[in-house]
Amino acid sequence: MWWAGFETVTWTGEGGEPTWYETFAGEAKRGFCPICGSRLAAIDNDISEIGINVTALDDTSGPDLVPIHESFRDNAVRWPPLLPGTKHGTAG
């Protein structure tokens, strides 16, 4: 799963804003498409950005969508190479 962080988001499309569920009480919530149930977004209380699942974006070709962290690197499958220039992220 590939996430990108944004300060603000404008929800478009049929379903509008995701349906939110608190996944860790007082710590985080996740947003799901109200039509199909796909995981779209995450909000962690200690981070100012909203995390958007990049596959939910209409356009993923922007130069600002360059990976900077890889979570769970040590558990990754071995056949694709690690992303050059990324840091080992601790968040999942």
PDB file of N, CA and C in Angstrom:
ATOM      1  N   MET A   1       0.844  -1.161   0.000  1.00  0.00           N
ATOM      2  CA  MET A   1       0.000   0.000   0.000  1.00  0.00           C
ATOM      3  C   MET A   1       0.896   1.232   0.000  1.00  0.00           C
ATOM      4  N   TRP A   2       0.531   2.215  -0.770  1.00  0.00           N
ATOM      5  CA  TRP A   2       1.335   3.418  -0.943  1.00  0.00           C
ATOM      6  C   TRP A   2       0.516   4.613  -0.492  1.00  0.00           C
ATOM      7  N   TRP A   3       1.027   5.337   0.503  1.00  0.00           N
ATOM      8  CA  TRP A   3       0.312   6.466   1.097  1.00  0.00           C
ATOM      9  C   TRP A   3       1.021   7.770   0.795  1.00  0.00           C
ATOM     10  N   ALA A   4       0.253   8.839   0.671  1.00  0.00           N
ATOM     11  CA  ALA A   4       0.799  10.190   0.521  1.00  0.00           C
ATOM     12  C   ALA A   4       0.118  11.078   1.547  1.00  0.00           C
ATOM     13  N   GLY A   5       0.874  12.010   2.126  1.00  0.00           N
ATOM     14  CA  GLY A   5       0.333  12.900   3.142  1.00  0.00           C
ATOM     15  C   GLY A   5      -0.052  14.254   2.559  1.00  0.00           C
ATOM     16  N   PHE A   6      -1.199  14.767   2.979  1.00  0.00           N
ATOM     17  CA  PHE A   6      -1.696  16.059   2.513  1.00  0.00           C
ATOM     18  C   PHE A   6      -2.198  16.867   3.707  1.00  0.00           C
ATOM     19  N   GLU A   7      -1.995  18.181   3.669  1.00  0.00           N
ATOM     20  CA  GLU A   7      -2.517  19.058   4.720  1.00  0.00           C
ATOM     21  C   GLU A   7      -4.028  19.221   4.581  1.00  0.00           C
ATOM     22  N   THR A   8      -4.514  19.352   3.330  1.00  0.00           N
ATOM     23  CA  THR A   8      -5.948  19.490   3.083  1.00  0.00           C
ATOM     24  C   THR A   8      -6.342  18.574   1.930  1.00  0.00           C
ATOM     25  N   VAL A   9      -7.594  18.169   1.932  1.00  0.00           N
ATOM     26  CA  VAL A   9      -8.109  17.259   0.903  1.00  0.00           C
ATOM     27  C   VAL A   9      -9.507  17.719   0.513  1.00  0.00           C
ATOM     28  N   THR A  10      -9.801  17.680  -0.785  1.00  0.00           N
ATOM     29  CA  THR A  10     -11.154  17.910  -1.282  1.00  0.00           C
ATOM     30  C   THR A  10     -11.644  16.582  -1.844  1.00  0.00           C
ATOM     31  N   TRP A  11     -12.697  16.056  -1.255  1.00  0.00           N
ATOM     32  CA  TRP A  11     -13.229  14.766  -1.684  1.00  0.00           C
ATOM     33  C   TRP A  11     -14.152  14.959  -2.874  1.00  0.00           C
ATOM     34  N   THR A  12     -13.962  14.178  -3.926  1.00  0.00           N
ATOM     35  CA  THR A  12     -14.801  14.238  -5.116  1.00  0.00           C
ATOM     36  C   THR A  12     -15.323  12.841  -5.411  1.00  0.00           C
ATOM     37  N   GLY A  13     -16.201  12.739  -6.371  1.00  0.00           N
ATOM     38  CA  GLY A  13     -16.711  11.432  -6.754  1.00  0.00           C
ATOM     39  C   GLY A  13     -18.074  11.168  -6.151  1.00  0.00           C
ATOM     40  N   GLU A  14     -18.625  10.020  -6.489  1.00  0.00           N
ATOM     41  CA  GLU A  14     -19.979   9.658  -6.070  1.00  0.00           C
ATOM     42  C   GLU A  14     -20.169   9.618  -4.563  1.00  0.00           C
ATOM     43  N   GLY A  15     -19.233   9.019  -3.863  1.00  0.00           N
ATOM     44  CA  GLY A  15     -19.410   8.801  -2.433  1.00  0.00           C
ATOM     45  C   GLY A  15     -19.117  10.002  -1.562  1.00  0.00           C
ATOM     46  N   GLY A  16     -18.389  10.986  -2.113  1.00  0.00           N
ATOM     47  CA  GLY A  16     -18.014  12.130  -1.295  1.00  0.00           C
ATOM     48  C   GLY A  16     -17.006  11.726  -0.236  1.00  0.00           C
ATOM     49  N   GLU A  17     -17.126  12.324   0.938  1.00  0.00           N
ATOM     50  CA  GLU A  17     -16.179  12.051   2.028  1.00  0.00           C
ATOM     51  C   GLU A  17     -16.287  10.596   2.486  1.00  0.00           C
ATOM     52  N   PRO A  18     -15.144  10.010   2.882  1.00  0.00           N
ATOM     53  CA  PRO A  18     -15.155   8.626   3.364  1.00  0.00           C
ATOM     54  C   PRO A  18     -16.000   8.460   4.626  1.00  0.00           C
ATOM     55  N   THR A  19     -16.351   7.227   4.890  1.00  0.00           N
ATOM     56  CA  THR A  19     -16.952   6.854   6.160  1.00  0.00           C
ATOM     57  C   THR A  19     -15.786   6.556   7.095  1.00  0.00           C
ATOM     58  N   TRP A  20     -15.761   7.220   8.245  1.00  0.00           N
ATOM     59  CA  TRP A  20     -14.622   7.116   9.161  1.00  0.00           C
ATOM     60  C   TRP A  20     -14.906   6.146  10.302  1.00  0.00           C
ATOM     61  N   TYR A  21     -13.883   5.349  10.643  1.00  0.00           N
ATOM     62  CA  TYR A  21     -13.953   4.431  11.766  1.00  0.00           C
ATOM     63  C   TYR A  21     -12.716   4.632  12.631  1.00  0.00           C
ATOM     64  N   GLU A  22     -12.921   4.749  13.920  1.00  0.00           N
ATOM     65  CA  GLU A  22     -11.793   4.873  14.836  1.00  0.00           C
ATOM     66  C   GLU A  22     -11.157   3.490  14.969  1.00  0.00           C
ATOM     67  N   THR A  23      -9.902   3.387  14.546  1.00  0.00           N
ATOM     68  CA  THR A  23      -9.245   2.081  14.561  1.00  0.00           C
ATOM     69  C   THR A  23      -8.406   1.871  15.813  1.00  0.00           C
ATOM     70  N   PHE A  24      -7.934   2.949  16.398  1.00  0.00           N
ATOM     71  CA  PHE A  24      -7.204   2.897  17.662  1.00  0.00           C
ATOM     72  C   PHE A  24      -7.769   4.031  18.513  1.00  0.00           C
ATOM     73  N   ALA A  25      -8.516   3.690  19.529  1.00  0.00           N
ATOM     74  CA  ALA A  25      -9.235   4.687  20.323  1.00  0.00           C
ATOM     75  C   ALA A  25      -8.339   5.844  20.746  1.00  0.00           C
ATOM     76  N   GLY A  26      -8.736   7.052  20.351  1.00  0.00           N
ATOM     77  CA  GLY A  26      -8.002   8.253  20.708  1.00  0.00           C
ATOM     78  C   GLY A  26      -6.697   8.454  19.963  1.00  0.00           C
ATOM     79  N   GLU A  27      -6.354   7.542  19.043  1.00  0.00           N
ATOM     80  CA  GLU A  27      -5.075   7.633  18.339  1.00  0.00           C
ATOM     81  C   GLU A  27      -5.211   7.782  16.832  1.00  0.00           C
ATOM     82  N   ALA A  28      -6.117   7.035  16.213  1.00  0.00           N
ATOM     83  CA  ALA A  28      -6.187   7.033  14.753  1.00  0.00           C
ATOM     84  C   ALA A  28      -7.564   6.610  14.264  1.00  0.00           C
ATOM     85  N   LYS A  29      -7.882   7.078  13.060  1.00  0.00           N
ATOM     86  CA  LYS A  29      -9.093   6.616  12.392  1.00  0.00           C
ATOM     87  C   LYS A  29      -8.784   6.387  10.922  1.00  0.00           C
ATOM     88  N   ARG A  30      -9.573   5.533  10.311  1.00  0.00           N
ATOM     89  CA  ARG A  30      -9.395   5.179   8.911  1.00  0.00           C
ATOM     90  C   ARG A  30     -10.663   5.517   8.152  1.00  0.00           C
ATOM     91  N   GLY A  31     -10.482   5.951   6.893  1.00  0.00           N
ATOM     92  CA  GLY A  31     -11.610   6.317   6.055  1.00  0.00           C
ATOM     93  C   GLY A  31     -11.805   5.316   4.931  1.00  0.00           C
ATOM     94  N   PHE A  32     -13.043   4.914   4.719  1.00  0.00           N
ATOM     95  CA  PHE A  32     -13.384   3.922   3.706  1.00  0.00           C
ATOM     96  C   PHE A  32     -14.425   4.496   2.751  1.00  0.00           C
ATOM     97  N   CYS A  33     -14.366   4.071   1.493  1.00  0.00           N
ATOM     98  CA  CYS A  33     -15.346   4.501   0.502  1.00  0.00           C
ATOM     99  C   CYS A  33     -16.736   4.066   0.969  1.00  0.00           C
ATOM    100  N   PRO A  34     -17.691   5.014   1.040  1.00  0.00           N
ATOM    101  CA  PRO A  34     -19.025   4.644   1.496  1.00  0.00           C
ATOM    102  C   PRO A  34     -19.799   3.792   0.490  1.00  0.00           C
ATOM    103  N   ILE A  35     -19.272   3.658  -0.726  1.00  0.00           N
ATOM    104  CA  ILE A  35     -19.957   2.855  -1.750  1.00  0.00           C
ATOM    105  C   ILE A  35     -19.387   1.443  -1.830  1.00  0.00           C
ATOM    106  N   CYS A  36     -18.047   1.336  -1.979  1.00  0.00           N
ATOM    107  CA  CYS A  36     -17.451   0.001  -2.188  1.00  0.00           C
ATOM    108  C   CYS A  36     -16.668  -0.521  -0.989  1.00  0.00           C
ATOM    109  N   GLY A  37     -16.373   0.338  -0.007  1.00  0.00           N
ATOM    110  CA  GLY A  37     -15.659  -0.114   1.182  1.00  0.00           C
ATOM    111  C   GLY A  37     -14.147  -0.099   1.078  1.00  0.00           C
ATOM    112  N   SER A  38     -13.594   0.385  -0.040  1.00  0.00           N
ATOM    113  CA  SER A  38     -12.132   0.435  -0.190  1.00  0.00           C
ATOM    114  C   SER A  38     -11.514   1.376   0.841  1.00  0.00           C
ATOM    115  N   ARG A  39     -10.334   1.010   1.330  1.00  0.00           N
ATOM    116  CA  ARG A  39      -9.616   1.864   2.271  1.00  0.00           C
ATOM    117  C   ARG A  39      -9.033   3.052   1.514  1.00  0.00           C
ATOM    118  N   LEU A  40      -9.389   4.260   1.939  1.00  0.00           N
ATOM    119  CA  LEU A  40      -8.972   5.467   1.230  1.00  0.00           C
ATOM    120  C   LEU A  40      -7.982   6.328   1.994  1.00  0.00           C
ATOM    121  N   ALA A  41      -8.163   6.440   3.305  1.00  0.00           N
ATOM    122  CA  ALA A  41      -7.407   7.443   4.037  1.00  0.00           C
ATOM    123  C   ALA A  41      -7.183   7.034   5.485  1.00  0.00           C
ATOM    124  N   ALA A  42      -6.255   7.747   6.116  1.00  0.00           N
ATOM    125  CA  ALA A  42      -5.970   7.529   7.531  1.00  0.00           C
ATOM    126  C   ALA A  42      -5.632   8.870   8.173  1.00  0.00           C
ATOM    127  N   ILE A  43      -6.079   9.031   9.390  1.00  0.00           N
ATOM    128  CA  ILE A  43      -5.736  10.212  10.180  1.00  0.00           C
ATOM    129  C   ILE A  43      -5.207   9.724  11.518  1.00  0.00           C
ATOM    130  N   ASP A  44      -3.975  10.105  11.820  1.00  0.00           N
ATOM    131  CA  ASP A  44      -3.383   9.807  13.118  1.00  0.00           C
ATOM    132  C   ASP A  44      -3.398  11.091  13.928  1.00  0.00           C
ATOM    133  N   ASN A  45      -3.809  11.015  15.179  1.00  0.00           N
ATOM    134  CA  ASN A  45      -3.976  12.206  15.997  1.00  0.00           C
ATOM    135  C   ASN A  45      -2.690  12.995  16.206  1.00  0.00           C
ATOM    136  N   ASP A  46      -1.530  12.348  16.144  1.00  0.00           N
ATOM    137  CA  ASP A  46      -0.279  13.055  16.400  1.00  0.00           C
ATOM    138  C   ASP A  46       0.405  13.563  15.123  1.00  0.00           C
ATOM    139  N   ILE A  47      -0.262  13.460  13.968  1.00  0.00           N
ATOM    140  CA  ILE A  47       0.289  13.921  12.690  1.00  0.00           C
ATOM    141  C   ILE A  47      -0.702  14.902  12.075  1.00  0.00           C
ATOM    142  N   SER A  48      -0.185  16.027  11.565  1.00  0.00           N
ATOM    143  CA  SER A  48      -1.081  17.061  11.030  1.00  0.00           C
ATOM    144  C   SER A  48      -1.615  16.741   9.632  1.00  0.00           C
ATOM    145  N   GLU A  49      -1.036  15.781   8.959  1.00  0.00           N
ATOM    146  CA  GLU A  49      -1.465  15.449   7.598  1.00  0.00           C
ATOM    147  C   GLU A  49      -2.472  14.308   7.599  1.00  0.00           C
ATOM    148  N   ILE A  50      -3.272  14.271   6.540  1.00  0.00           N
ATOM    149  CA  ILE A  50      -4.148  13.133   6.303  1.00  0.00           C
ATOM    150  C   ILE A  50      -3.437  12.230   5.296  1.00  0.00           C
ATOM    151  N   GLY A  51      -3.370  10.953   5.593  1.00  0.00           N
ATOM    152  CA  GLY A  51      -2.751  10.000   4.686  1.00  0.00           C
ATOM    153  C   GLY A  51      -3.769   9.473   3.702  1.00  0.00           C
ATOM    154  N   ILE A  52      -3.460   9.594   2.419  1.00  0.00           N
ATOM    155  CA  ILE A  52      -4.354   9.115   1.370  1.00  0.00           C
ATOM    156  C   ILE A  52      -3.697   7.926   0.679  1.00  0.00           C
ATOM    157  N   ASN A  53      -4.448   6.858   0.495  1.00  0.00           N
ATOM    158  CA  ASN A  53      -3.965   5.723  -0.270  1.00  0.00           C
ATOM    159  C   ASN A  53      -3.822   6.206  -1.713  1.00  0.00           C
ATOM    160  N   VAL A  54      -2.615   6.194  -2.250  1.00  0.00           N
ATOM    161  CA  VAL A  54      -2.350   6.782  -3.565  1.00  0.00           C
ATOM    162  C   VAL A  54      -3.195   6.135  -4.658  1.00  0.00           C
ATOM    163  N   THR A  55      -3.550   4.884  -4.509  1.00  0.00           N
ATOM    164  CA  THR A  55      -4.388   4.256  -5.534  1.00  0.00           C
ATOM    165  C   THR A  55      -5.791   4.858  -5.575  1.00  0.00           C
ATOM    166  N   ALA A  56      -6.156   5.662  -4.587  1.00  0.00           N
ATOM    167  CA  ALA A  56      -7.457   6.334  -4.580  1.00  0.00           C
ATOM    168  C   ALA A  56      -7.417   7.667  -5.325  1.00  0.00           C
ATOM    169  N   LEU A  57      -6.224   8.131  -5.707  1.00  0.00           N
ATOM    170  CA  LEU A  57      -6.089   9.407  -6.406  1.00  0.00           C
ATOM    171  C   LEU A  57      -6.381   9.246  -7.894  1.00  0.00           C
ATOM    172  N   ASP A  58      -6.954  10.272  -8.489  1.00  0.00           N
ATOM    173  CA  ASP A  58      -7.215  10.255  -9.929  1.00  0.00           C
ATOM    174  C   ASP A  58      -5.931  10.373 -10.736  1.00  0.00           C
ATOM    175  N   ASP A  59      -4.960  11.143 -10.229  1.00  0.00           N
ATOM    176  CA  ASP A  59      -3.719  11.380 -10.962  1.00  0.00           C
ATOM    177  C   ASP A  59      -2.540  11.097 -10.041  1.00  0.00           C
ATOM    178  N   THR A  60      -1.735  10.110 -10.391  1.00  0.00           N
ATOM    179  CA  THR A  60      -0.570   9.759  -9.575  1.00  0.00           C
ATOM    180  C   THR A  60       0.741  10.095 -10.279  1.00  0.00           C
ATOM    181  N   SER A  61       0.691  10.963 -11.280  1.00  0.00           N
ATOM    182  CA  SER A  61       1.887  11.258 -12.066  1.00  0.00           C
ATOM    183  C   SER A  61       2.649  12.476 -11.565  1.00  0.00           C
ATOM    184  N   GLY A  62       2.169  13.147 -10.534  1.00  0.00           N
ATOM    185  CA  GLY A  62       2.803  14.371 -10.061  1.00  0.00           C
ATOM    186  C   GLY A  62       4.192  14.145  -9.496  1.00  0.00           C
ATOM    187  N   PRO A  63       5.084  15.108  -9.687  1.00  0.00           N
ATOM    188  CA  PRO A  63       6.447  14.974  -9.182  1.00  0.00           C
ATOM    189  C   PRO A  63       6.525  15.005  -7.660  1.00  0.00           C
ATOM    190  N   ASP A  64       5.457  15.440  -6.998  1.00  0.00           N
ATOM    191  CA  ASP A  64       5.447  15.469  -5.539  1.00  0.00           C
ATOM    192  C   ASP A  64       5.070  14.119  -4.927  1.00  0.00           C
ATOM    193  N   LEU A  65       4.760  13.136  -5.747  1.00  0.00           N
ATOM    194  CA  LEU A  65       4.435  11.801  -5.253  1.00  0.00           C
ATOM    195  C   LEU A  65       5.650  10.885  -5.385  1.00  0.00           C
ATOM    196  N   VAL A  66       6.718  11.268  -4.715  1.00  0.00           N
ATOM    197  CA  VAL A  66       7.953  10.490  -4.726  1.00  0.00           C
ATOM    198  C   VAL A  66       8.125   9.876  -3.338  1.00  0.00           C
ATOM    199  N   PRO A  67       8.298   8.569  -3.230  1.00  0.00           N
ATOM    200  CA  PRO A  67       8.440   7.936  -1.913  1.00  0.00           C
ATOM    201  C   PRO A  67       9.650   8.460  -1.146  1.00  0.00           C
ATOM    202  N   ILE A  68       9.459   8.684   0.172  1.00  0.00           N
ATOM    203  CA  ILE A  68      10.564   9.098   1.033  1.00  0.00           C
ATOM    204  C   ILE A  68      10.766   8.132   2.195  1.00  0.00           C
ATOM    205  N   HIS A  69       9.788   7.275   2.488  1.00  0.00           N
ATOM    206  CA  HIS A  69       9.887   6.286   3.562  1.00  0.00           C
ATOM    207  C   HIS A  69       9.315   4.956   3.077  1.00  0.00           C
ATOM    208  N   GLU A  70       9.876   3.892   3.605  1.00  0.00           N
ATOM    209  CA  GLU A  70       9.334   2.553   3.374  1.00  0.00           C
ATOM    210  C   GLU A  70       9.104   1.917   4.733  1.00  0.00           C
ATOM    211  N   SER A  71       7.876   1.555   5.023  1.00  0.00           N
ATOM    212  CA  SER A  71       7.565   0.896   6.284  1.00  0.00           C
ATOM    213  C   SER A  71       7.746  -0.607   6.143  1.00  0.00           C
ATOM    214  N   PHE A  72       8.129  -1.228   7.213  1.00  0.00           N
ATOM    215  CA  PHE A  72       8.277  -2.688   7.283  1.00  0.00           C
ATOM    216  C   PHE A  72       9.219  -3.225   6.206  1.00  0.00           C
ATOM    217  N   ARG A  73      10.294  -2.494   5.929  1.00  0.00           N
ATOM    218  CA  ARG A  73      11.281  -2.915   4.921  1.00  0.00           C
ATOM    219  C   ARG A  73      11.797  -4.326   5.172  1.00  0.00           C
ATOM    220  N   ASP A  74      12.047  -4.627   6.440  1.00  0.00           N
ATOM    221  CA  ASP A  74      12.627  -5.934   6.777  1.00  0.00           C
ATOM    222  C   ASP A  74      11.670  -7.090   6.498  1.00  0.00           C
ATOM    223  N   ASN A  75      10.380  -6.788   6.358  1.00  0.00           N
ATOM    224  CA  ASN A  75       9.390  -7.829   6.082  1.00  0.00           C
ATOM    225  C   ASN A  75       8.959  -7.852   4.622  1.00  0.00           C
ATOM    226  N   ALA A  76       9.550  -7.012   3.804  1.00  0.00           N
ATOM    227  CA  ALA A  76       9.151  -6.913   2.395  1.00  0.00           C
ATOM    228  C   ALA A  76       9.568  -8.165   1.627  1.00  0.00           C
ATOM    229  N   VAL A  77       8.819  -8.451   0.567  1.00  0.00           N
ATOM    230  CA  VAL A  77       9.241  -9.541  -0.310  1.00  0.00           C
ATOM    231  C   VAL A  77      10.589  -9.173  -0.908  1.00  0.00           C
ATOM    232  N   ARG A  78      11.360 -10.136  -1.273  1.00  0.00           N
ATOM    233  CA  ARG A  78      12.756  -9.886  -1.663  1.00  0.00           C
ATOM    234  C   ARG A  78      12.975  -9.594  -3.143  1.00  0.00           C
ATOM    235  N   TRP A  79      11.976  -9.861  -4.013  1.00  0.00           N
ATOM    236  CA  TRP A  79      12.266  -9.705  -5.436  1.00  0.00           C
ATOM    237  C   TRP A  79      12.279  -8.269  -5.924  1.00  0.00           C
ATOM    238  N   PRO A  80      11.466  -7.308  -5.446  1.00  0.00           N
ATOM    239  CA  PRO A  80      11.645  -5.941  -5.931  1.00  0.00           C
ATOM    240  C   PRO A  80      12.748  -5.245  -5.128  1.00  0.00           C
ATOM    241  N   PRO A  81      13.480  -4.350  -5.754  1.00  0.00           N
ATOM    242  CA  PRO A  81      14.529  -3.641  -5.024  1.00  0.00           C
ATOM    243  C   PRO A  81      13.931  -2.631  -4.055  1.00  0.00           C
ATOM    244  N   LEU A  82      14.685  -2.310  -3.002  1.00  0.00           N
ATOM    245  CA  LEU A  82      14.266  -1.245  -2.107  1.00  0.00           C
ATOM    246  C   LEU A  82      14.279   0.062  -2.885  1.00  0.00           C
ATOM    247  N   LEU A  83      13.444   0.996  -2.509  1.00  0.00           N
ATOM    248  CA  LEU A  83      13.402   2.278  -3.207  1.00  0.00           C
ATOM    249  C   LEU A  83      14.630   3.093  -2.841  1.00  0.00           C
ATOM    250  N   PRO A  84      15.413   3.511  -3.822  1.00  0.00           N
ATOM    251  CA  PRO A  84      16.613   4.276  -3.509  1.00  0.00           C
ATOM    252  C   PRO A  84      16.249   5.615  -2.889  1.00  0.00           C
ATOM    253  N   GLY A  85      17.058   6.042  -1.922  1.00  0.00           N
ATOM    254  CA  GLY A  85      16.869   7.338  -1.300  1.00  0.00           C
ATOM    255  C   GLY A  85      15.785   7.407  -0.251  1.00  0.00           C
ATOM    256  N   THR A  86      15.163   6.268   0.083  1.00  0.00           N
ATOM    257  CA  THR A  86      14.125   6.286   1.114  1.00  0.00           C
ATOM    258  C   THR A  86      14.715   5.951   2.458  1.00  0.00           C
ATOM    259  N   LYS A  87      14.017   6.373   3.489  1.00  0.00           N
ATOM    260  CA  LYS A  87      14.406   6.047   4.854  1.00  0.00           C
ATOM    261  C   LYS A  87      13.528   4.924   5.353  1.00  0.00           C
ATOM    262  N   HIS A  88      14.035   4.189   6.308  1.00  0.00           N
ATOM    263  CA  HIS A  88      13.259   3.099   6.900  1.00  0.00           C
ATOM    264  C   HIS A  88      12.219   3.718   7.811  1.00  0.00           C
ATOM    265  N   GLY A  89      10.948   3.602   7.454  1.00  0.00           N
ATOM    266  CA  GLY A  89       9.868   4.139   8.277  1.00  0.00           C
ATOM    267  C   GLY A  89       9.461   3.145   9.341  1.00  0.00           C
ATOM    268  N   THR A  90       9.001   3.660  10.475  1.00  0.00           N
ATOM    269  CA  THR A  90       8.564   2.777  11.550  1.00  0.00           C
ATOM    270  C   THR A  90       7.061   2.660  11.597  1.00  0.00           C
ATOM    271  N   ALA A  91       6.371   3.533  10.901  1.00  0.00           N
ATOM    272  CA  ALA A  91       4.902   3.499  10.910  1.00  0.00           C
ATOM    273  C   ALA A  91       4.404   2.530   9.851  1.00  0.00           C
ATOM    274  N   GLY A  92       3.259   1.969  10.072  1.00  0.00           N
ATOM    275  CA  GLY A  92       2.671   1.052   9.114  1.00  0.00           C
ATOM    276  C   GLY A  92       1.421   1.598   8.606  1.00  0.00           C
TER     277      GLY A  92
END
